[in-house]
Protein backbone atom coordinates (compact mmCIF):
# COMPACT_ATOMS: atom_id res chain seq x y z
CA MET A 1 106.50 102.19 109.91
CA GLU A 2 107.08 105.36 111.92
CA PRO A 3 110.44 105.66 113.67
CA GLY A 4 110.44 105.35 117.45
CA LEU A 5 111.16 108.15 119.89
CA ARG A 6 114.88 107.39 120.09
CA GLU A 7 115.26 107.42 116.31
CA ARG A 8 113.28 110.68 116.04
CA LYS A 9 115.57 112.26 118.64
CA LYS A 10 118.62 111.13 116.69
CA GLN A 11 117.16 112.55 113.48
CA ALA A 12 116.39 115.84 115.23
CA THR A 13 119.93 116.09 116.61
CA ARG A 14 121.43 115.33 113.21
CA ARG A 15 119.23 117.96 111.55
CA ALA A 16 120.01 120.55 114.23
CA LEU A 17 123.76 119.96 113.78
CA ALA A 18 123.46 120.23 110.00
CA LEU A 19 121.44 123.46 110.21
CA ALA A 20 123.89 124.95 112.71
CA ALA A 21 126.86 123.97 110.54
CA LEU A 22 125.34 125.58 107.47
CA ARG A 23 124.18 128.74 109.23
CA LEU A 24 127.42 129.33 111.12
CA THR A 25 129.51 128.71 108.01
CA VAL A 26 127.41 131.11 105.96
CA GLU A 27 127.84 133.73 108.72
CA ARG A 28 131.55 133.21 109.47
CA GLY A 29 133.06 131.47 106.46
CA PHE A 30 134.26 127.89 106.25
CA GLU A 31 137.54 128.50 108.09
CA GLY A 32 135.80 130.55 110.77
CA VAL A 33 133.78 127.66 112.18
CA LEU A 34 135.03 124.73 114.24
CA VAL A 35 133.27 121.48 115.04
CA GLU A 36 133.24 122.72 118.65
CA ASP A 37 131.27 125.81 117.56
CA ILE A 38 128.66 123.72 115.79
CA ALA A 39 128.29 121.33 118.72
CA ALA A 40 128.01 124.21 121.21
CA GLU A 41 125.32 125.86 119.07
CA VAL A 42 123.19 122.72 119.43
CA GLY A 43 124.14 122.03 123.05
CA VAL A 44 125.98 118.77 122.45
CA SER A 45 129.61 117.69 122.75
CA PRO A 46 132.07 117.55 119.83
CA ARG A 47 132.07 113.79 120.37
CA THR A 48 128.33 113.74 119.71
CA PHE A 49 128.93 115.75 116.54
CA ASN A 50 131.44 113.09 115.46
CA ASN A 51 128.84 110.37 116.03
CA TYR A 52 126.79 111.97 113.24
CA PHE A 53 129.36 113.46 110.87
CA SER A 54 132.95 112.76 109.91
CA SER A 55 133.67 116.38 109.01
CA LYS A 56 132.33 119.91 109.03
CA ALA A 57 131.87 119.73 105.24
CA GLU A 58 129.74 116.60 105.58
CA ALA A 59 127.54 118.33 108.17
CA ILE A 60 127.10 121.37 105.92
CA CYS A 61 125.89 119.17 103.05
CA ALA A 62 123.80 116.82 105.19
CA LEU A 63 120.49 118.56 104.49
CA ALA A 64 121.03 118.13 100.75
CA VAL A 65 121.89 114.44 101.20
CA ASP A 66 118.70 114.07 103.27
CA ARG A 67 116.78 115.75 100.44
CA ALA A 68 118.12 113.13 98.04
CA GLN A 69 116.94 110.29 100.29
CA ARG A 70 113.53 111.91 100.75
CA ALA A 71 113.20 112.38 96.97
CA GLY A 72 113.84 108.69 96.34
CA ALA A 73 111.34 107.64 99.02
CA ALA A 74 108.75 110.17 97.81
CA LEU A 75 109.07 108.98 94.21
CA ARG A 76 108.50 105.39 95.34
CA ALA A 77 105.40 106.52 97.27
CA ARG A 78 103.74 108.23 94.28
CA PRO A 79 100.65 106.46 92.89
CA PRO A 80 101.73 103.40 90.84
CA GLY A 81 99.64 104.34 87.78
CA GLU A 82 100.94 107.90 87.60
CA PRO A 83 103.12 108.53 84.52
CA LEU A 84 106.80 108.58 85.46
CA ARG A 85 107.40 112.14 84.22
CA GLU A 86 104.52 113.46 86.34
CA ALA A 87 105.68 111.51 89.38
CA ILE A 88 109.23 112.83 89.05
CA THR A 89 108.09 116.42 88.54
CA ALA A 90 105.72 116.35 91.52
CA THR A 91 108.42 114.78 93.71
CA MET A 92 111.16 117.21 92.78
CA LEU A 93 108.96 120.31 93.02
CA THR A 94 107.93 119.25 96.52
CA GLU A 95 111.54 118.65 97.57
CA PHE A 96 112.80 121.91 96.12
CA SER A 97 109.99 124.05 97.48
CA GLY A 98 111.26 123.53 101.03
CA GLY A 99 107.81 124.18 102.40
CA ALA A 100 108.07 127.83 101.33
CA ALA A 101 105.80 129.61 98.93
CA PRO A 102 107.00 129.21 95.31
CA GLU A 103 107.73 132.94 95.16
CA HIS A 104 109.90 132.93 98.33
CA VAL A 105 113.38 134.33 97.81
CA PRO A 106 116.02 134.13 100.55
CA ASP A 107 117.81 137.38 101.34
CA ARG A 108 121.00 138.54 99.63
CA VAL A 109 123.20 137.85 102.67
CA TRP A 110 122.14 134.21 102.65
CA PHE A 111 122.86 133.87 98.92
CA ASP A 112 126.27 135.48 99.24
CA GLY A 113 127.21 133.29 102.18
CA LEU A 114 125.97 130.11 100.56
CA ARG A 115 127.86 130.87 97.35
CA MET A 116 131.01 131.46 99.40
CA VAL A 117 130.56 128.17 101.25
CA LEU A 118 130.05 126.18 98.05
CA ALA A 119 133.07 127.85 96.41
CA THR A 120 135.33 126.67 99.24
CA PRO A 121 137.67 123.94 97.91
CA ALA A 122 137.02 121.76 100.97
CA MET A 123 133.31 121.70 100.05
CA GLN A 124 133.65 120.63 96.43
CA GLY A 125 134.09 116.92 97.17
CA GLU A 126 131.08 116.94 99.48
CA TYR A 127 129.02 118.74 96.86
CA LEU A 128 129.85 116.00 94.35
CA ARG A 129 128.79 113.44 96.95
CA VAL A 130 125.44 115.23 97.29
CA ARG A 131 124.98 115.16 93.52
CA ALA A 132 125.78 111.43 93.43
CA ALA A 133 123.38 110.76 96.31
CA MET A 134 120.54 112.48 94.43
CA GLN A 135 121.23 110.54 91.24
CA ASP A 136 121.51 107.22 93.09
CA ALA A 137 118.29 107.75 95.06
CA LEU A 138 116.35 108.76 91.97
CA SER A 139 117.77 105.97 89.82
CA ALA A 140 116.87 103.32 92.41
CA ALA A 141 113.32 104.69 92.77
CA ILE A 142 112.88 104.89 88.99
CA ALA A 143 114.11 101.30 88.62
CA ASP A 144 111.56 100.21 91.23
CA ARG A 145 108.74 102.06 89.45
CA LEU A 146 109.71 100.68 86.04
CA GLY A 147 110.45 97.19 87.33
CA THR A 148 113.75 97.07 85.47
CA GLY A 149 116.64 94.74 86.18
CA PRO A 150 120.03 95.70 87.61
CA GLY A 151 121.71 95.91 84.18
CA ASP A 152 119.18 98.30 82.66
CA LEU A 153 120.63 101.74 81.89
CA LEU A 154 117.32 103.60 81.61
CA PRO A 155 116.80 104.32 85.34
CA ASP A 156 120.36 105.65 85.65
CA VAL A 157 120.02 107.81 82.56
CA ILE A 158 116.71 109.29 83.74
CA GLY A 159 117.96 109.70 87.32
CA GLY A 160 121.12 111.40 86.08
CA ALA A 161 119.19 113.74 83.82
CA VAL A 162 116.79 114.74 86.61
CA ALA A 163 119.65 115.27 89.08
CA ALA A 164 121.49 117.37 86.47
CA ALA A 165 118.39 119.47 85.76
CA CYS A 166 117.94 120.18 89.48
CA ASP A 167 121.65 120.93 89.82
CA VAL A 168 121.51 123.46 86.96
CA ALA A 169 118.43 125.10 88.49
CA THR A 170 120.15 125.33 91.88
CA HIS A 171 123.26 126.82 90.30
CA ARG A 172 121.18 129.47 88.51
CA TRP A 173 119.31 130.16 91.75
CA LEU A 174 122.53 130.70 93.67
CA HIS A 175 123.95 133.06 91.06
CA ALA A 176 120.82 134.99 90.11
CA ASP A 177 121.10 138.74 90.56
CA PRO A 178 118.66 139.84 91.80
CA PRO A 179 117.71 136.67 93.72
CA VAL A 180 114.86 134.57 92.38
CA PRO A 181 112.77 131.72 93.83
CA LEU A 182 114.15 128.19 93.36
CA ARG A 183 111.01 126.17 92.64
CA PRO A 184 110.14 127.84 89.30
CA LEU A 185 113.72 127.27 88.11
CA VAL A 186 113.47 123.56 88.98
CA GLU A 187 110.13 123.37 87.18
CA ARG A 188 111.60 125.00 84.06
CA ALA A 189 114.66 122.74 84.13
CA LEU A 190 112.53 119.60 84.39
CA ARG A 191 110.30 120.81 81.55
CA HIS A 192 113.40 121.04 79.32
CA LEU A 193 113.95 117.31 79.82
CA ALA A 194 110.59 116.68 78.21
CA ASP A 195 111.44 119.02 75.29
CA TYR A 196 114.64 117.23 74.35
């Protein structure tokens, strides 16, 4: 069921705040951005910001948490007869392509800023939360596809391995010099799971 107008507006506001938080922090550094700056960038009050996020760090990582939720939903929506490995690969490549061409490489300034943001101690806990959200969403979707019970380890092991592969690819992407596109790195990382 499609969300109503009010829910779509809330989702748009949340996304706008998350994008503004990430962009401003990349431009100014973590300490150089206040919640008030992020709210002003979107044209809302700091109180509205606080309705969506408990901290600046949470807002910065929100797009990645959203990606995790989309990945779980997209994996559930894949054709039921499709082999699990193919379903996972198709889902993750779609999520990590970001709608850009596979060869798209963000500019150096963006990479440098994003690396700086993720290296900030205040961001490390949020980054772990993002990683856990991806694993949880994938594990739940895999369990649904496999029809396993709550005590079965297989969905968690597969979900953890896929999340780790995507995490390694993202890390390589962020530290590549010169910059490289992300999607092929994710594809290679997922292929290694099949080789093991």
